[in-house]
Amino acid sequence: MSSLSLASAEKIIEGSRQKSSELAANFCIVVVDPRGDLIAMVREDNAPWRSIFICQGKAAASAAFMQPSGNLTANGFSPIHQGLMTMLDGRMIPGQGALPVYDGDEIIGAVGVSGGPPAEDEQVALAGINHAGYKCC
């Protein structure tokens, strides 16, 4: 299973921060590998303390199910999703704001964002993915 390098994760964060500077909120941005394990993270000044945990949970969910974390709530949270969350001690959060990162057809990680409205969180994640030359979804 391939994964993002630290340099690629930093490039994603750079693009995400460029987008975040256009918005009013202060964000926490995380990049994880396909298992949902942390590669890189930044907490912007004045980002809510809880955003650290929320962005990681959204990114872990996006990576695990290889889709935007918002889809997990939009399509109904299945018993399989609930079971996996329970097995992982609630590590995943099924809420809008994280996107999977693909290199071709292979998932190589996910970007999770928290701190603003969920739609803005997702915009910040997408900007980072695009900036680094990858695709999502």
Protein backbone atom coordinates (compact mmCIF):
# COMPACT_ATOMS: atom_id res chain seq x y z
CA MET A 1 0.00 0.00 0.00
CA SER A 2 1.48 3.32 -1.07
CA SER A 3 1.32 6.38 1.11
CA LEU A 4 2.00 10.09 0.88
CA SER A 5 5.52 11.22 1.70
CA LEU A 6 6.13 13.87 4.32
CA ALA A 7 7.10 16.30 1.54
CA SER A 8 3.78 15.67 -0.24
CA ALA A 9 1.86 16.05 3.02
CA GLU A 10 3.59 19.37 3.63
CA LYS A 11 2.67 20.49 0.09
CA ILE A 12 -0.97 19.62 0.81
CA ILE A 13 -0.87 21.62 4.03
CA GLU A 14 0.70 24.55 2.17
CA GLY A 15 -2.17 24.60 -0.35
CA SER A 16 -4.75 24.17 2.39
CA ARG A 17 -3.29 27.09 4.32
CA GLN A 18 -3.39 29.27 1.23
CA LYS A 19 -7.12 28.59 0.96
CA SER A 20 -7.66 29.03 4.69
CA SER A 21 -6.16 32.53 4.50
CA GLU A 22 -9.11 33.52 2.27
CA LEU A 23 -11.63 32.41 4.91
CA ALA A 24 -12.56 33.85 8.29
CA ALA A 25 -12.08 30.73 10.43
CA ASN A 26 -8.89 29.32 11.92
CA PHE A 27 -8.33 25.73 10.94
CA CYS A 28 -6.61 22.59 12.03
CA ILE A 29 -5.37 20.57 9.01
CA VAL A 30 -4.16 16.99 9.09
CA VAL A 31 -2.78 14.61 6.48
CA VAL A 32 -2.96 10.88 7.17
CA ASP A 33 -1.87 7.71 5.40
CA PRO A 34 -4.37 5.16 4.01
CA ARG A 35 -4.75 3.58 7.47
CA GLY A 36 -5.60 6.95 8.99
CA ASP A 37 -2.26 7.33 10.79
CA LEU A 38 -0.82 10.83 11.12
CA ILE A 39 1.75 12.09 8.61
CA ALA A 40 1.58 15.86 9.22
CA MET A 41 -0.61 18.35 11.03
CA VAL A 42 -0.90 22.07 11.62
CA ARG A 43 -3.09 24.02 14.02
CA GLU A 44 -3.46 27.61 12.92
CA ASP A 45 -3.35 30.35 15.54
CA ASN A 46 -6.64 30.55 17.43
CA ALA A 47 -8.05 27.33 15.96
CA PRO A 48 -10.37 25.67 18.48
CA TRP A 49 -8.60 23.07 20.67
CA ARG A 50 -11.18 20.44 19.74
CA SER A 51 -10.34 20.82 16.05
CA ILE A 52 -7.14 18.85 16.62
CA PHE A 53 -9.17 15.72 17.38
CA ILE A 54 -12.02 16.38 14.96
CA CYS A 55 -9.83 16.80 11.88
CA GLN A 56 -7.97 13.58 12.70
CA GLY A 57 -11.23 11.68 13.15
CA LYS A 58 -12.64 12.97 9.87
CA ALA A 59 -9.41 12.10 8.01
CA ALA A 60 -9.30 8.59 9.49
CA ALA A 61 -12.90 7.99 8.37
CA SER A 62 -12.19 9.30 4.87
CA ALA A 63 -9.11 7.11 4.53
CA ALA A 64 -10.79 3.99 5.91
CA PHE A 65 -13.80 4.20 3.62
CA MET A 66 -11.94 5.82 0.67
CA GLN A 67 -14.51 8.57 0.23
CA PRO A 68 -15.33 12.05 1.53
CA SER A 69 -16.13 11.87 5.23
CA GLY A 70 -19.34 13.81 4.60
CA ASN A 71 -20.65 10.94 2.45
CA LEU A 72 -20.71 8.73 5.50
CA THR A 73 -23.43 10.82 7.10
CA ALA A 74 -25.21 11.72 3.85
CA ASN A 75 -25.67 8.05 2.95
CA GLY A 76 -26.55 6.95 6.46
CA PHE A 77 -24.04 5.55 8.88
CA SER A 78 -24.26 1.80 8.39
CA PRO A 79 -23.85 -0.86 11.10
CA ILE A 80 -20.47 -1.70 9.54
CA HIS A 81 -19.31 1.88 9.99
CA GLN A 82 -20.63 1.92 13.54
CA GLY A 83 -18.96 -1.39 14.32
CA LEU A 84 -15.60 -0.28 12.99
CA MET A 85 -15.82 2.98 14.93
CA THR A 86 -16.55 1.03 18.09
CA MET A 87 -13.66 -1.36 17.44
CA LEU A 88 -11.33 1.62 16.98
CA ASP A 89 -12.56 3.37 20.15
CA GLY A 90 -14.36 6.15 18.27
CA ARG A 91 -11.28 7.14 16.28
CA MET A 92 -13.33 8.00 13.16
CA ILE A 93 -15.75 10.90 12.77
CA PRO A 94 -18.32 10.72 9.96
CA GLY A 95 -18.72 14.43 9.27
CA GLN A 96 -18.01 16.68 6.31
CA GLY A 97 -14.50 18.09 6.16
CA ALA A 98 -12.14 15.33 5.01
CA LEU A 99 -11.31 14.01 1.56
CA PRO A 100 -9.36 10.98 0.37
CA VAL A 101 -6.19 11.56 -1.63
CA TYR A 102 -5.66 9.47 -4.75
CA ASP A 103 -2.65 9.00 -6.98
CA GLY A 104 -4.30 7.59 -10.09
CA ASP A 105 -6.68 4.90 -8.84
CA GLU A 106 -4.78 4.22 -5.62
CA ILE A 107 -5.67 5.83 -2.29
CA ILE A 108 -2.54 7.23 -0.69
CA GLY A 109 -4.04 9.10 2.25
CA ALA A 110 -6.63 11.64 3.33
CA VAL A 111 -6.82 15.28 4.39
CA GLY A 112 -9.01 16.30 7.31
CA VAL A 113 -9.87 19.85 8.30
CA SER A 114 -11.77 21.33 11.23
CA GLY A 115 -12.34 24.82 12.58
CA GLY A 116 -14.84 26.37 10.22
CA PRO A 117 -18.23 25.44 8.84
CA PRO A 118 -18.10 21.90 7.39
CA ALA A 119 -18.35 23.10 3.77
CA GLU A 120 -15.35 25.41 4.32
CA ASP A 121 -13.42 22.61 6.00
CA GLU A 122 -13.91 20.55 2.85
CA GLN A 123 -12.90 23.47 0.59
CA VAL A 124 -9.64 23.81 2.52
CA ALA A 125 -8.95 20.06 2.17
CA LEU A 126 -9.66 20.13 -1.57
CA ALA A 127 -7.41 23.14 -2.11
CA GLY A 128 -4.52 21.28 -0.52
CA ILE A 129 -5.06 18.16 -2.61
CA ASN A 130 -5.23 20.20 -5.81
CA HIS A 131 -2.17 22.26 -4.85
CA ALA A 132 -0.11 19.09 -4.43
CA GLY A 133 -1.24 17.72 -7.81
CA TYR A 134 -3.36 14.85 -6.51
CA LYS A 135 -7.06 14.11 -6.88
CA CYS A 136 -9.82 13.15 -4.53
CA CYS A 137 -12.97 11.12 -4.85
